[in-house]
Structures are given as structure tokens and as C-alpha cells.
């Protein structure tokens, strides 16, 4: 007699290798990754234990090759176990996710698009209730877009200097500075050099952020060609990577007061 397993969620994401990279950077924030699955989207929202940085991956349901849920679901998996499970995800792989709450597992099937070869892996659910993280609806006065590689280079320079970066906006120009003891770093960014785009709702803005948190946000630069940053005086910094298929990876960094 066969036993039928009740699958509450089944979703097939077309680019498993891209998702692998997303999971690899999110697990750096916290080892517990909360998933939120709704009719509209597949989301992972993780916040650091000290609540200084939040990472959000959001993939609209329309980007999946298959997307079926019986009801909205929230659950937690171990980031370490998830990272192991997707470690061998390759460029041609589709990632099929299935939630089996009866057996407390999140099953991942990596299917090669060309050969049809499948590898099944199971990640145990963390037996604790998932707490919904609020959507941050902040109006940030300054937004600018640059190549992800340029952002990575700037953060690489900053971490050689100090532990705090000051972002300033005035007259169409972004200035990023860091000063500590005998060392100083200053970078001026304008549209066309190297910014792709800059827009503002305010005349001036200034905020400081931890360079360690910026390093965390810069881990994802290989995921997307461009990165968009938004900030305002005394407000969190938003770092957003557009993955290209409608999916996005976002970071929120608390400001230093």
C-alpha cells in the first residue's frame, strides 16, 4: 500500500545556480532562514541576531515554471543545511521546491534541463514558529544605480580604512567618506562617472553606516550586473539587486547615529 505525501508547496525556479548564490549570501546574515510562500511570491526574509541588517529575496510567482500552493505558508530552515543541499546546483539546473510539513522537510530537486537528470535533497524544517518580518515602507530621498563591480570595489576600499562610511548627497553628487586615525577615503560619484542613474527628492542628505554591514551587502555583487542604493538623512540604507527575471535581492542596513 503506497503512502501519499501531502505536498503543500511545489515551485520550480528556472535558475538554480542563481538561487544557490542567493542562499549563500543570506546565510551569512543568520543561519535560520525564514521562508514565506504566498500566491503572489516566494520570499526569504532574514534578519541578523542584533537586528542591524535584513536581507530579503523576493521572486514573484510568475517567474516560476511551476507554482502551486494550497495555502500561505511560513517556515524556517537551517541555512547551513540549505547551503549544503544546493551546493552542486549547476547553470542548467531547475530547482523544484516541495514543502512536506507532515515529515517536516523541505525537499529540493535539482533537474538538469538538457539531460533530465534529477538529484533530490531534503532539508529538515527548524521546529519553531516563524515570525513575520514587516515590510519596510520607507521613503528614501536619494537613489542611485551603478555597476555591481563598482560597488564591490568601493566597499573593498572602505574596509581598508575604517569601520564607518558616511554617505552625503548634494547638488547631484554622492560623496562616500571614511576616516580613521591617519587614514582617509573619499569617493565622489556622479551620473555617468560611475553612476548609471541618480535621482533625489531632497536637496541634501547625510547618513553613516557600518562598513561591516556594507561588506555583507556587497557579497551579492555577482548575482546581478547592477545595484541600486537608496538612503536619506538618519534612515536605513537600501541595497537592491535586480536579478533580471523579476526576482530581487534586497538588503536593509540600519544607520549609525
C-alpha atoms as a PDB file:
ATOM      1  CA  UNK A   1       0.000   0.000   0.000  1.00  0.00           C
ATOM      2  CA  UNK A   2       1.503   3.333  -1.056  1.00  0.00           C
ATOM      3  CA  UNK A   3       1.521   6.296   1.304  1.00  0.00           C
ATOM      4  CA  UNK A   4       0.580   9.601  -0.257  1.00  0.00           C
ATOM      5  CA  UNK A   5       2.620  12.535   0.997  1.00  0.00           C
ATOM      6  CA  UNK A   6       0.746  15.823   1.255  1.00  0.00           C
ATOM      7  CA  UNK A   7       2.805  18.455  -0.549  1.00  0.00           C
ATOM      8  CA  UNK A   8       1.647  21.925   0.473  1.00  0.00           C
ATOM      9  CA  UNK A   9       4.011  23.867  -1.774  1.00  0.00           C
ATOM     10  CA  UNK A  10       5.536  22.992  -5.135  1.00  0.00           C
ATOM     11  CA  UNK A  11       7.539  25.602  -7.014  1.00  0.00           C
ATOM     12  CA  UNK A  12      10.038  25.232  -9.880  1.00  0.00           C
ATOM     13  CA  UNK A  13      12.557  28.067 -10.216  1.00  0.00           C
ATOM     14  CA  UNK A  14      14.316  28.110 -13.619  1.00  0.00           C
ATOM     15  CA  UNK A  15      17.794  29.192 -12.454  1.00  0.00           C
ATOM     16  CA  UNK A  16      19.051  27.001  -9.607  1.00  0.00           C
ATOM     17  CA  UNK A  17      22.615  28.324  -9.735  1.00  0.00           C
ATOM     18  CA  UNK A  18      21.383  31.890  -9.184  1.00  0.00           C
ATOM     19  CA  UNK A  19      19.319  30.753  -6.198  1.00  0.00           C
ATOM     20  CA  UNK A  20      22.346  28.937  -4.820  1.00  0.00           C
ATOM     21  CA  UNK A  21      24.218  32.236  -4.709  1.00  0.00           C
ATOM     22  CA  UNK A  22      21.254  33.980  -3.053  1.00  0.00           C
ATOM     23  CA  UNK A  23      21.115  31.368  -0.287  1.00  0.00           C
ATOM     24  CA  UNK A  24      24.895  31.507   0.164  1.00  0.00           C
ATOM     25  CA  UNK A  25      24.839  35.241   0.918  1.00  0.00           C
ATOM     26  CA  UNK A  26      21.684  35.225   3.060  1.00  0.00           C
ATOM     27  CA  UNK A  27      23.088  32.539   5.359  1.00  0.00           C
ATOM     28  CA  UNK A  28      25.892  34.986   6.223  1.00  0.00           C
ATOM     29  CA  UNK A  29      23.270  37.129   7.999  1.00  0.00           C
ATOM     30  CA  UNK A  30      21.745  34.315  10.061  1.00  0.00           C
ATOM     31  CA  UNK A  31      21.783  30.525   9.991  1.00  0.00           C
ATOM     32  CA  UNK A  32      17.992  30.390  10.277  1.00  0.00           C
ATOM     33  CA  UNK A  33      16.259  31.296   7.007  1.00  0.00           C
ATOM     34  CA  UNK A  34      12.520  32.049   7.238  1.00  0.00           C
ATOM     35  CA  UNK A  35      10.531  31.300   4.063  1.00  0.00           C
ATOM     36  CA  UNK A  36       7.196  32.947   3.277  1.00  0.00           C
ATOM     37  CA  UNK A  37       5.204  31.429   0.413  1.00  0.00           C
ATOM     38  CA  UNK A  38       2.053  33.162  -0.864  1.00  0.00           C
ATOM     39  CA  UNK A  39       0.029  33.105  -4.079  1.00  0.00           C
ATOM     40  CA  UNK A  40       1.895  36.246  -5.166  1.00  0.00           C
ATOM     41  CA  UNK A  41       5.500  35.467  -4.289  1.00  0.00           C
ATOM     42  CA  UNK A  42       8.184  33.190  -2.888  1.00  0.00           C
ATOM     43  CA  UNK A  43      10.166  35.080  -0.238  1.00  0.00           C
ATOM     44  CA  UNK A  44      13.054  34.559   2.135  1.00  0.00           C
ATOM     45  CA  UNK A  45      13.425  37.220   4.837  1.00  0.00           C
ATOM     46  CA  UNK A  46      16.313  37.039   7.262  1.00  0.00           C
ATOM     47  CA  UNK A  47      17.425  39.458   9.955  1.00  0.00           C
ATOM     48  CA  UNK A  48      20.701  39.398  11.873  1.00  0.00           C
ATOM     49  CA  UNK A  49      20.620  38.492  15.586  1.00  0.00           C
ATOM     50  CA  UNK A  50      21.484  42.106  16.505  1.00  0.00           C
ATOM     51  CA  UNK A  51      18.824  43.414  14.085  1.00  0.00           C
ATOM     52  CA  UNK A  52      21.260  45.681  12.221  1.00  0.00           C
ATOM     53  CA  UNK A  53      20.813  44.153   8.757  1.00  0.00           C
ATOM     54  CA  UNK A  54      17.946  42.450   6.962  1.00  0.00           C
ATOM     55  CA  UNK A  55      18.121  40.500   3.715  1.00  0.00           C
ATOM     56  CA  UNK A  56      15.062  39.850   1.565  1.00  0.00           C
ATOM     57  CA  UNK A  57      14.833  37.661  -1.537  1.00  0.00           C
ATOM     58  CA  UNK A  58      11.566  38.009  -3.425  1.00  0.00           C
ATOM     59  CA  UNK A  59      10.585  36.052  -6.531  1.00  0.00           C
ATOM     60  CA  UNK A  60       7.105  36.761  -7.954  1.00  0.00           C
ATOM     61  CA  UNK A  61       5.114  33.603  -8.653  1.00  0.00           C
ATOM     62  CA  UNK A  62       5.075  34.415 -12.394  1.00  0.00           C
ATOM     63  CA  UNK A  63       8.835  33.803 -12.742  1.00  0.00           C
ATOM     64  CA  UNK A  64       8.461  30.137 -11.744  1.00  0.00           C
ATOM     65  CA  UNK A  65       7.998  27.396 -14.335  1.00  0.00           C
ATOM     66  CA  UNK A  66       5.548  25.779 -11.924  1.00  0.00           C
ATOM     67  CA  UNK A  67       3.947  27.329  -8.856  1.00  0.00           C
ATOM     68  CA  UNK A  68       1.346  25.586  -6.728  1.00  0.00           C
ATOM     69  CA  UNK A  69       0.429  26.246  -3.095  1.00  0.00           C
ATOM     70  CA  UNK A  70      -2.556  25.015  -1.099  1.00  0.00           C
ATOM     71  CA  UNK A  71      -2.384  27.922   1.344  1.00  0.00           C
ATOM     72  CA  UNK A  72       0.046  30.595   2.500  1.00  0.00           C
ATOM     73  CA  UNK A  73       2.978  29.032   4.319  1.00  0.00           C
ATOM     74  CA  UNK A  74       5.744  30.235   6.604  1.00  0.00           C
ATOM     75  CA  UNK A  75       8.567  28.013   7.852  1.00  0.00           C
ATOM     76  CA  UNK A  76      12.238  28.082   8.833  1.00  0.00           C
ATOM     77  CA  UNK A  77      15.136  26.001   7.536  1.00  0.00           C
ATOM     78  CA  UNK A  78      18.752  25.777   8.620  1.00  0.00           C
ATOM     79  CA  UNK A  79      20.869  27.952   6.351  1.00  0.00           C
ATOM     80  CA  UNK A  80      23.831  25.606   6.728  1.00  0.00           C
ATOM     81  CA  UNK A  81      21.768  22.598   5.635  1.00  0.00           C
ATOM     82  CA  UNK A  82      20.185  24.523   2.757  1.00  0.00           C
ATOM     83  CA  UNK A  83      23.588  25.686   1.542  1.00  0.00           C
ATOM     84  CA  UNK A  84      24.816  22.081   1.522  1.00  0.00           C
ATOM     85  CA  UNK A  85      21.738  20.951  -0.402  1.00  0.00           C
ATOM     86  CA  UNK A  86      22.151  23.460  -3.244  1.00  0.00           C
ATOM     87  CA  UNK A  87      25.951  23.336  -3.322  1.00  0.00           C
ATOM     88  CA  UNK A  88      26.046  21.382  -6.579  1.00  0.00           C
ATOM     89  CA  UNK A  89      23.351  23.377  -8.379  1.00  0.00           C
ATOM     90  CA  UNK A  90      24.606  23.971 -11.920  1.00  0.00           C
ATOM     91  CA  UNK A  91      23.882  26.508 -14.645  1.00  0.00           C
ATOM     92  CA  UNK A  92      21.406  24.265 -16.482  1.00  0.00           C
ATOM     93  CA  UNK A  93      19.515  23.178 -13.370  1.00  0.00           C
ATOM     94  CA  UNK A  94      15.928  23.950 -12.447  1.00  0.00           C
ATOM     95  CA  UNK A  95      15.275  23.954  -8.687  1.00  0.00           C
ATOM     96  CA  UNK A  96      11.981  22.320  -7.675  1.00  0.00           C
ATOM     97  CA  UNK A  97      10.915  23.050  -4.091  1.00  0.00           C
ATOM     98  CA  UNK A  98       8.357  20.971  -2.214  1.00  0.00           C
ATOM     99  CA  UNK A  99       7.153  21.520   1.344  1.00  0.00           C
ATOM    100  CA  UNK A 100       6.248  18.358   3.246  1.00  0.00           C
ATOM    101  CA  UNK A 101       5.087  19.535   6.664  1.00  0.00           C
ATOM    102  CA  UNK A 102       3.935  16.070   7.684  1.00  0.00           C
ATOM    103  CA  UNK A 103       7.537  14.868   7.630  1.00  0.00           C
ATOM    104  CA  UNK A 104       8.984  18.307   8.481  1.00  0.00           C
ATOM    105  CA  UNK A 105      11.138  18.537   5.372  1.00  0.00           C
ATOM    106  CA  UNK A 106      11.737  21.000   2.566  1.00  0.00           C
ATOM    107  CA  UNK A 107      12.596  18.898  -0.469  1.00  0.00           C
ATOM    108  CA  UNK A 108      14.750  20.304  -3.253  1.00  0.00           C
ATOM    109  CA  UNK A 109      15.061  18.559  -6.611  1.00  0.00           C
ATOM    110  CA  UNK A 110      17.751  19.800  -8.987  1.00  0.00           C
ATOM    111  CA  UNK A 111      16.754  18.878 -12.542  1.00  0.00           C
ATOM    112  CA  UNK A 112      19.121  19.296 -15.483  1.00  0.00           C
ATOM    113  CA  UNK A 113      17.212  20.990 -18.331  1.00  0.00           C
ATOM    114  CA  UNK A 114      19.257  19.217 -21.006  1.00  0.00           C
ATOM    115  CA  UNK A 115      19.586  15.667 -19.701  1.00  0.00           C
ATOM    116  CA  UNK A 116      16.583  15.439 -17.371  1.00  0.00           C
ATOM    117  CA  UNK A 117      18.862  14.071 -14.631  1.00  0.00           C
ATOM    118  CA  UNK A 118      17.417  14.726 -11.170  1.00  0.00           C
ATOM    119  CA  UNK A 119      19.062  14.916  -7.731  1.00  0.00           C
ATOM    120  CA  UNK A 120      16.794  15.011  -4.700  1.00  0.00           C
ATOM    121  CA  UNK A 121      17.841  16.545  -1.399  1.00  0.00           C
ATOM    122  CA  UNK A 122      15.886  17.099   1.805  1.00  0.00           C
ATOM    123  CA  UNK A 123      16.395  19.907   4.298  1.00  0.00           C
ATOM    124  CA  UNK A 124      14.767  19.488   7.731  1.00  0.00           C
ATOM    125  CA  UNK A 125      12.490  22.253   8.960  1.00  0.00           C
ATOM    126  CA  UNK A 126      13.527  24.082  12.127  1.00  0.00           C
ATOM    127  CA  UNK A 127      10.844  23.221  14.714  1.00  0.00           C
ATOM    128  CA  UNK A 128       9.920  26.727  15.807  1.00  0.00           C
ATOM    129  CA  UNK A 129       7.230  29.220  14.802  1.00  0.00           C
ATOM    130  CA  UNK A 130       8.136  31.696  12.105  1.00  0.00           C
ATOM    131  CA  UNK A 131       7.682  35.348  12.990  1.00  0.00           C
ATOM    132  CA  UNK A 132       6.618  37.549  10.078  1.00  0.00           C
ATOM    133  CA  UNK A 133       9.022  40.385   9.359  1.00  0.00           C
ATOM    134  CA  UNK A 134       7.336  43.677   8.492  1.00  0.00           C
ATOM    135  CA  UNK A 135       7.624  45.227   5.048  1.00  0.00           C
ATOM    136  CA  UNK A 136       9.735  48.366   5.262  1.00  0.00           C
ATOM    137  CA  UNK A 137       7.797  51.133   3.555  1.00  0.00           C
ATOM    138  CA  UNK A 138      10.267  53.992   3.784  1.00  0.00           C
ATOM    139  CA  UNK A 139      10.547  56.984   1.503  1.00  0.00           C
ATOM    140  CA  UNK A 140      14.250  57.478   0.889  1.00  0.00           C
ATOM    141  CA  UNK A 141      15.272  60.784  -0.638  1.00  0.00           C
ATOM    142  CA  UNK A 142      18.273  59.708  -2.733  1.00  0.00           C
ATOM    143  CA  UNK A 143      18.543  56.751  -5.126  1.00  0.00           C
ATOM    144  CA  UNK A 144      21.468  55.847  -7.372  1.00  0.00           C
ATOM    145  CA  UNK A 145      22.409  52.902  -9.598  1.00  0.00           C
ATOM    146  CA  UNK A 146      25.878  51.660 -10.525  1.00  0.00           C
ATOM    147  CA  UNK A 147      27.590  48.535 -11.781  1.00  0.00           C
ATOM    148  CA  UNK A 148      27.760  45.898  -9.060  1.00  0.00           C
ATOM    149  CA  UNK A 149      31.507  45.588  -9.656  1.00  0.00           C
ATOM    150  CA  UNK A 150      31.982  49.318  -8.970  1.00  0.00           C
ATOM    151  CA  UNK A 151      30.066  48.945  -5.703  1.00  0.00           C
ATOM    152  CA  UNK A 152      32.213  45.957  -4.751  1.00  0.00           C
ATOM    153  CA  UNK A 153      35.384  47.956  -5.446  1.00  0.00           C
ATOM    154  CA  UNK A 154      34.212  50.904  -3.329  1.00  0.00           C
ATOM    155  CA  UNK A 155      33.367  48.670  -0.372  1.00  0.00           C
ATOM    156  CA  UNK A 156      36.698  46.879  -0.772  1.00  0.00           C
ATOM    157  CA  UNK A 157      38.489  50.238  -0.448  1.00  0.00           C
ATOM    158  CA  UNK A 158      36.350  51.342   2.509  1.00  0.00           C
ATOM    159  CA  UNK A 159      37.106  48.274   4.605  1.00  0.00           C
ATOM    160  CA  UNK A 160      40.837  49.062   4.382  1.00  0.00           C
ATOM    161  CA  UNK A 161      40.271  52.393   6.132  1.00  0.00           C
ATOM    162  CA  UNK A 162      37.782  52.325   8.989  1.00  0.00           C
ATOM    163  CA  UNK A 163      34.565  50.928  10.400  1.00  0.00           C
ATOM    164  CA  UNK A 164      32.118  53.650   9.371  1.00  0.00           C
ATOM    165  CA  UNK A 165      31.183  55.106   5.974  1.00  0.00           C
ATOM    166  CA  UNK A 166      29.468  58.478   5.594  1.00  0.00           C
ATOM    167  CA  UNK A 167      27.143  58.908   2.591  1.00  0.00           C
ATOM    168  CA  UNK A 168      26.467  62.511   1.561  1.00  0.00           C
ATOM    169  CA  UNK A 169      24.297  63.870  -1.242  1.00  0.00           C
ATOM    170  CA  UNK A 170      24.250  67.440  -2.542  1.00  0.00           C
ATOM    171  CA  UNK A 171      23.913  69.101  -5.956  1.00  0.00           C
ATOM    172  CA  UNK A 172      23.582  65.865  -7.923  1.00  0.00           C
ATOM    173  CA  UNK A 173      26.664  64.255  -6.389  1.00  0.00           C
ATOM    174  CA  UNK A 174      27.185  61.373  -3.953  1.00  0.00           C
ATOM    175  CA  UNK A 175      30.257  61.515  -1.720  1.00  0.00           C
ATOM    176  CA  UNK A 176      31.285  58.488   0.350  1.00  0.00           C
ATOM    177  CA  UNK A 177      33.954  59.025   3.006  1.00  0.00           C
ATOM    178  CA  UNK A 178      35.638  57.135   5.817  1.00  0.00           C
ATOM    179  CA  UNK A 179      38.231  58.473   8.232  1.00  0.00           C
ATOM    180  CA  UNK A 180      40.146  56.721  10.987  1.00  0.00           C
ATOM    181  CA  UNK A 181      43.439  57.716  12.638  1.00  0.00           C
ATOM    182  CA  UNK A 182      45.882  58.513   9.833  1.00  0.00           C
ATOM    183  CA  UNK A 183      43.763  57.026   7.041  1.00  0.00           C
ATOM    184  CA  UNK A 184      41.094  58.659   4.925  1.00  0.00           C
ATOM    185  CA  UNK A 185      38.984  57.539   1.959  1.00  0.00           C
ATOM    186  CA  UNK A 186      36.837  59.743  -0.252  1.00  0.00           C
ATOM    187  CA  UNK A 187      34.881  58.755  -3.351  1.00  0.00           C
ATOM    188  CA  UNK A 188      32.772  61.103  -5.477  1.00  0.00           C
ATOM    189  CA  UNK A 189      30.012  59.613  -7.631  1.00  0.00           C
ATOM    190  CA  UNK A 190      28.097  61.461 -10.338  1.00  0.00           C
ATOM    191  CA  UNK A 191      25.824  60.348 -13.148  1.00  0.00           C
ATOM    192  CA  UNK A 192      27.989  58.983 -15.959  1.00  0.00           C
ATOM    193  CA  UNK A 193      31.025  58.529 -13.692  1.00  0.00           C
ATOM    194  CA  UNK A 194      30.445  55.874 -12.483  1.00  0.00           C
ATOM    195  CA  UNK A 195      26.711  56.129 -11.752  1.00  0.00           C
ATOM    196  CA  UNK A 196      24.240  54.862 -14.313  1.00  0.00           C
ATOM    197  CA  UNK A 197      21.437  56.890 -12.773  1.00  0.00           C
ATOM    198  CA  UNK A 198      20.837  59.219  -9.829  1.00  0.00           C
ATOM    199  CA  UNK A 199      17.602  60.775  -8.590  1.00  0.00           C
ATOM    200  CA  UNK A 200      16.617  62.727  -5.492  1.00  0.00           C
ATOM    201  CA  UNK A 201      13.578  64.035  -3.657  1.00  0.00           C
ATOM    202  CA  UNK A 202      15.703  66.161  -1.315  1.00  0.00           C
ATOM    203  CA  UNK A 203      18.352  68.867  -1.728  1.00  0.00           C
ATOM    204  CA  UNK A 204      20.733  67.325   0.788  1.00  0.00           C
ATOM    205  CA  UNK A 205      21.124  64.035   2.650  1.00  0.00           C
ATOM    206  CA  UNK A 206      23.704  62.564   5.003  1.00  0.00           C
ATOM    207  CA  UNK A 207      23.874  59.240   6.844  1.00  0.00           C
ATOM    208  CA  UNK A 208      26.505  56.919   8.301  1.00  0.00           C
ATOM    209  CA  UNK A 209      26.619  53.132   8.010  1.00  0.00           C
ATOM    210  CA  UNK A 210      28.773  50.331   9.371  1.00  0.00           C
ATOM    211  CA  UNK A 211      31.361  49.193   6.848  1.00  0.00           C
ATOM    212  CA  UNK A 212      30.987  45.620   8.139  1.00  0.00           C
ATOM    213  CA  UNK A 213      27.307  45.741   7.130  1.00  0.00           C
ATOM    214  CA  UNK A 214      28.209  47.198   3.739  1.00  0.00           C
ATOM    215  CA  UNK A 215      30.604  44.277   3.256  1.00  0.00           C
ATOM    216  CA  UNK A 216      27.684  41.899   3.887  1.00  0.00           C
ATOM    217  CA  UNK A 217      25.548  43.693   1.288  1.00  0.00           C
ATOM    218  CA  UNK A 218      28.414  43.619  -1.223  1.00  0.00           C
ATOM    219  CA  UNK A 219      28.695  39.816  -1.019  1.00  0.00           C
ATOM    220  CA  UNK A 220      25.850  39.620  -3.538  1.00  0.00           C
ATOM    221  CA  UNK A 221      27.507  41.613  -6.332  1.00  0.00           C
ATOM    222  CA  UNK A 222      27.959  38.510  -8.515  1.00  0.00           C
ATOM    223  CA  UNK A 223      24.175  37.979  -8.589  1.00  0.00           C
ATOM    224  CA  UNK A 224      23.282  41.000 -10.741  1.00  0.00           C
ATOM    225  CA  UNK A 225      25.024  43.330 -13.177  1.00  0.00           C
ATOM    226  CA  UNK A 226      23.745  46.489 -11.473  1.00  0.00           C
ATOM    227  CA  UNK A 227      22.948  47.531  -7.919  1.00  0.00           C
ATOM    228  CA  UNK A 228      20.656  50.327  -6.735  1.00  0.00           C
ATOM    229  CA  UNK A 229      21.198  52.085  -3.407  1.00  0.00           C
ATOM    230  CA  UNK A 230      18.765  54.396  -1.616  1.00  0.00           C
ATOM    231  CA  UNK A 231      19.365  56.453   1.527  1.00  0.00           C
ATOM    232  CA  UNK A 232      18.301  59.570   3.401  1.00  0.00           C
ATOM    233  CA  UNK A 233      19.344  61.510   6.477  1.00  0.00           C
ATOM    234  CA  UNK A 234      19.205  59.290   9.547  1.00  0.00           C
ATOM    235  CA  UNK A 235      17.402  56.484   7.698  1.00  0.00           C
ATOM    236  CA  UNK A 236      18.326  52.905   6.718  1.00  0.00           C
ATOM    237  CA  UNK A 237      20.280  52.204   3.550  1.00  0.00           C
ATOM    238  CA  UNK A 238      18.550  50.024   0.977  1.00  0.00           C
ATOM    239  CA  UNK A 239      20.758  47.970  -1.359  1.00  0.00           C
ATOM    240  CA  UNK A 240      18.829  46.265  -4.157  1.00  0.00           C
ATOM    241  CA  UNK A 241      19.976  43.759  -6.769  1.00  0.00           C
ATOM    242  CA  UNK A 242      17.645  43.155  -9.717  1.00  0.00           C
ATOM    243  CA  UNK A 243      18.272  39.542 -10.698  1.00  0.00           C
ATOM    244  CA  UNK A 244      16.763  40.097 -14.142  1.00  0.00           C
ATOM    245  CA  UNK A 245      13.766  37.762 -14.216  1.00  0.00           C
ATOM    246  CA  UNK A 246      11.605  39.849 -11.893  1.00  0.00           C
ATOM    247  CA  UNK A 247      13.293  38.483  -8.764  1.00  0.00           C
ATOM    248  CA  UNK A 248      15.114  40.823  -6.397  1.00  0.00           C
ATOM    249  CA  UNK A 249      17.540  40.581  -3.518  1.00  0.00           C
ATOM    250  CA  UNK A 250      17.406  43.491  -1.078  1.00  0.00           C
ATOM    251  CA  UNK A 251      19.380  44.487   1.971  1.00  0.00           C
ATOM    252  CA  UNK A 252      18.366  46.991   4.637  1.00  0.00           C
ATOM    253  CA  UNK A 253      21.153  48.420   6.822  1.00  0.00           C
ATOM    254  CA  UNK A 254      20.425  50.425   9.967  1.00  0.00           C
ATOM    255  CA  UNK A 255      22.149  53.819  10.124  1.00  0.00           C
ATOM    256  CA  UNK A 256      24.712  54.747  12.730  1.00  0.00           C
ATOM    257  CA  UNK A 257      23.521  57.541  14.988  1.00  0.00           C
END
